[in-house]
Amino acid sequence: MEAVDLAGNKTPYNSSHQIETAVPYAIGSPTFNSSLKASIRKDGKSVSLSWNPAAAVNQEVIGYRVYINGQPIKPEGVTFTPINGEMTTVETNYTVTGLKQGKVYTFKVEAVGRGIKYSKRERLSDVVPNGLKPVTGYRWSCSGPSKTIHIIPGAAVSAEAKLK
């Protein structure tokens, strides 16, 4: 008795055969399990943000987008879309500068995960092993921790600000 796979490979019963399976697909999007910490810096015009790393299933968390009052903070000339990997930072902290005293700001952080799926390409089976071609995809959390800060002129709102 023998086992036969789809490619016609035969393995006799009671023997072993090593196989390599595809990488598991990414599941869902990154998630956060803690809040966003925000503290007004001593200059009264900047806020330091920090958060714990996001976690994801079968994908690597590669960075974060930071939003201020619903608008993304992004590098010059960069476009953010729901499916690209563009981000504000790869770190779990960020300092927002150029703020005005007397204003209220709401900060939010989202995480991006990079997962790889394999797409079957029959016509490539003689070039690519098993005809599988890796396809990179990005998954944004679309939600994350947020914090609202009121920068009061001449007064530190958070205890942390007094220490900086």
Protein backbone atom coordinates (compact mmCIF):
# COMPACT_ATOMS: atom_id res chain seq x y z
CA MET A 1 0.00 0.00 0.00
CA GLU A 2 1.23 3.51 -0.77
CA ALA A 3 0.18 7.14 -0.46
CA VAL A 4 0.05 9.31 -3.58
CA ASP A 5 -0.17 13.12 -3.58
CA LEU A 6 -1.64 15.38 -6.28
CA ALA A 7 1.76 15.73 -7.97
CA GLY A 8 2.01 11.94 -8.31
CA ASN A 9 4.68 11.45 -5.64
CA LYS A 10 4.40 8.00 -4.08
CA THR A 11 5.35 7.04 -0.56
CA PRO A 12 5.21 3.40 0.56
CA TYR A 13 3.14 2.62 3.65
CA ASN A 14 5.17 2.57 6.90
CA SER A 15 7.78 5.04 5.67
CA SER A 16 8.17 8.76 6.23
CA HIS A 17 8.28 11.58 3.74
CA GLN A 18 9.18 15.18 4.58
CA ILE A 19 6.92 17.89 3.24
CA GLU A 20 6.92 21.65 3.54
CA THR A 21 3.63 23.40 4.16
CA ALA A 22 2.79 26.98 3.23
CA VAL A 23 3.00 29.75 5.78
CA PRO A 24 -0.36 30.19 7.59
CA TYR A 25 -2.48 33.09 6.34
CA ALA A 26 -2.71 36.26 8.38
CA ILE A 27 -5.84 36.29 10.51
CA GLY A 28 -7.66 39.54 11.24
CA SER A 29 -5.80 42.75 11.89
CA PRO A 30 -3.46 43.87 14.68
CA THR A 31 -5.01 44.61 18.07
CA PHE A 32 -4.01 46.62 21.11
CA ASN A 33 -4.43 45.47 24.69
CA SER A 34 -3.60 48.73 26.45
CA SER A 35 -4.25 52.45 26.34
CA LEU A 36 -2.38 55.35 24.80
CA LYS A 37 -0.28 57.39 27.21
CA ALA A 38 0.07 61.09 26.45
CA SER A 39 1.97 63.79 28.31
CA ILE A 40 2.43 67.45 27.56
CA ARG A 41 6.08 68.37 27.27
CA LYS A 42 7.64 71.24 29.20
CA ASP A 43 7.53 73.60 26.19
CA GLY A 44 3.69 73.41 26.27
CA LYS A 45 3.60 72.99 22.48
CA SER A 46 4.30 69.29 22.09
CA VAL A 47 2.91 66.01 23.39
CA SER A 48 4.79 62.75 23.90
CA LEU A 49 2.74 59.66 23.05
CA SER A 50 3.57 56.06 23.99
CA TRP A 51 1.78 52.73 23.73
CA ASN A 52 2.45 49.03 24.06
CA PRO A 53 3.17 47.07 20.88
CA ALA A 54 0.15 45.76 19.00
CA ALA A 55 -0.19 42.00 18.50
CA ALA A 56 -1.29 40.07 15.41
CA VAL A 57 -1.94 36.47 14.37
CA ASN A 58 0.29 35.01 11.61
CA GLN A 59 1.59 38.42 10.60
CA GLU A 60 4.29 40.84 11.65
CA VAL A 61 3.32 44.23 13.11
CA ILE A 62 5.56 46.60 11.14
CA GLY A 63 4.48 50.06 12.26
CA TYR A 64 1.91 52.58 13.36
CA ARG A 65 -0.09 55.53 12.10
CA VAL A 66 -0.61 58.42 14.49
CA TYR A 67 -3.65 60.68 14.09
CA ILE A 68 -4.33 64.11 15.56
CA ASN A 69 -7.98 65.21 15.60
CA GLY A 70 -8.75 62.53 13.00
CA GLN A 71 -6.01 63.62 10.58
CA PRO A 72 -2.99 61.37 9.98
CA ILE A 73 0.51 62.56 10.74
CA LYS A 74 2.47 61.44 7.70
CA PRO A 75 5.78 62.11 6.03
CA GLU A 76 5.89 64.67 3.21
CA GLY A 77 4.50 63.32 -0.07
CA VAL A 78 3.13 60.09 1.42
CA THR A 79 -0.43 58.90 0.83
CA PHE A 80 -2.16 56.73 3.42
CA THR A 81 -4.68 54.19 2.13
CA PRO A 82 -6.44 51.31 3.90
CA ILE A 83 -4.28 48.80 1.99
CA ASN A 84 -0.77 50.24 1.78
CA GLY A 85 2.04 49.93 4.30
CA GLU A 86 2.80 53.65 4.71
CA MET A 87 3.11 54.66 8.37
CA THR A 88 4.02 57.46 10.77
CA THR A 89 6.52 55.46 12.84
CA VAL A 90 7.88 51.98 13.51
CA GLU A 91 8.40 52.83 17.19
CA THR A 92 5.89 52.58 20.05
CA ASN A 93 6.30 56.26 20.89
CA TYR A 94 6.00 59.51 19.01
CA THR A 95 6.28 63.21 19.86
CA VAL A 96 3.80 65.56 18.22
CA THR A 97 5.16 69.09 17.89
CA GLY A 98 3.80 72.46 16.77
CA LEU A 99 0.67 72.37 18.93
CA LYS A 100 -1.09 75.51 20.14
CA GLN A 101 -1.87 76.28 23.76
CA GLY A 102 -5.53 76.63 24.62
CA LYS A 103 -6.56 73.92 22.15
CA VAL A 104 -7.94 70.43 22.68
CA TYR A 105 -6.29 67.59 20.76
CA THR A 106 -7.36 63.98 20.37
CA PHE A 107 -4.62 61.51 19.45
CA LYS A 108 -5.17 58.02 18.09
CA VAL A 109 -2.83 55.20 17.04
CA GLU A 110 -3.46 52.40 14.53
CA ALA A 111 -1.19 49.43 13.79
CA VAL A 112 -0.32 47.73 10.50
CA GLY A 113 0.43 44.06 10.07
CA ARG A 114 2.21 42.56 7.07
CA GLY A 115 1.11 39.08 6.09
CA ILE A 116 2.03 36.85 3.19
CA LYS A 117 -0.42 34.75 1.25
CA TYR A 118 0.50 32.32 -1.48
CA SER A 119 -1.34 32.48 -4.76
CA LYS A 120 -1.42 29.42 -7.00
CA ARG A 121 -0.04 30.15 -10.45
CA GLU A 122 -0.28 27.01 -12.57
CA ARG A 123 1.57 28.64 -15.47
CA LEU A 124 4.55 29.29 -13.17
CA SER A 125 4.82 25.75 -11.82
CA ASP A 126 7.98 25.11 -13.84
CA VAL A 127 9.61 28.31 -12.46
CA VAL A 128 8.16 28.72 -8.96
CA PRO A 129 8.09 25.70 -6.59
CA ASN A 130 4.55 24.25 -6.59
CA GLY A 131 3.44 27.24 -8.69
CA LEU A 132 2.95 29.24 -5.47
CA LYS A 133 3.76 32.94 -5.59
CA PRO A 134 4.01 34.98 -2.35
CA VAL A 135 1.70 38.02 -2.21
CA THR A 136 2.31 40.58 0.54
CA GLY A 137 -0.74 42.21 2.10
CA TYR A 138 -1.17 44.89 4.74
CA ARG A 139 -3.88 44.88 7.40
CA TRP A 140 -4.63 48.00 9.41
CA SER A 141 -6.25 47.81 12.81
CA CYS A 142 -8.56 50.76 11.90
CA SER A 143 -9.00 51.22 15.61
CA GLY A 144 -6.62 51.68 18.45
CA PRO A 145 -6.05 53.53 21.66
CA SER A 146 -6.84 57.23 21.80
CA LYS A 147 -6.38 60.07 24.26
CA THR A 148 -7.70 63.65 24.46
CA ILE A 149 -5.48 66.39 25.87
CA HIS A 150 -6.30 70.04 26.60
CA ILE A 151 -3.20 72.21 26.45
CA ILE A 152 -3.97 74.98 28.92
CA PRO A 153 -1.72 78.05 28.57
CA GLY A 154 0.79 78.30 31.41
CA ALA A 155 -0.40 75.11 33.15
CA ALA A 156 0.73 71.50 32.96
CA VAL A 157 -2.29 69.23 32.45
CA SER A 158 -0.55 65.97 33.33
CA ALA A 159 1.74 65.18 36.23
CA GLU A 160 4.25 63.80 33.72
CA ALA A 161 4.50 67.23 32.05
CA LYS A 162 5.75 68.78 35.25
CA LEU A 163 8.67 66.38 35.28
CA LYS A 164 9.89 67.09 31.74
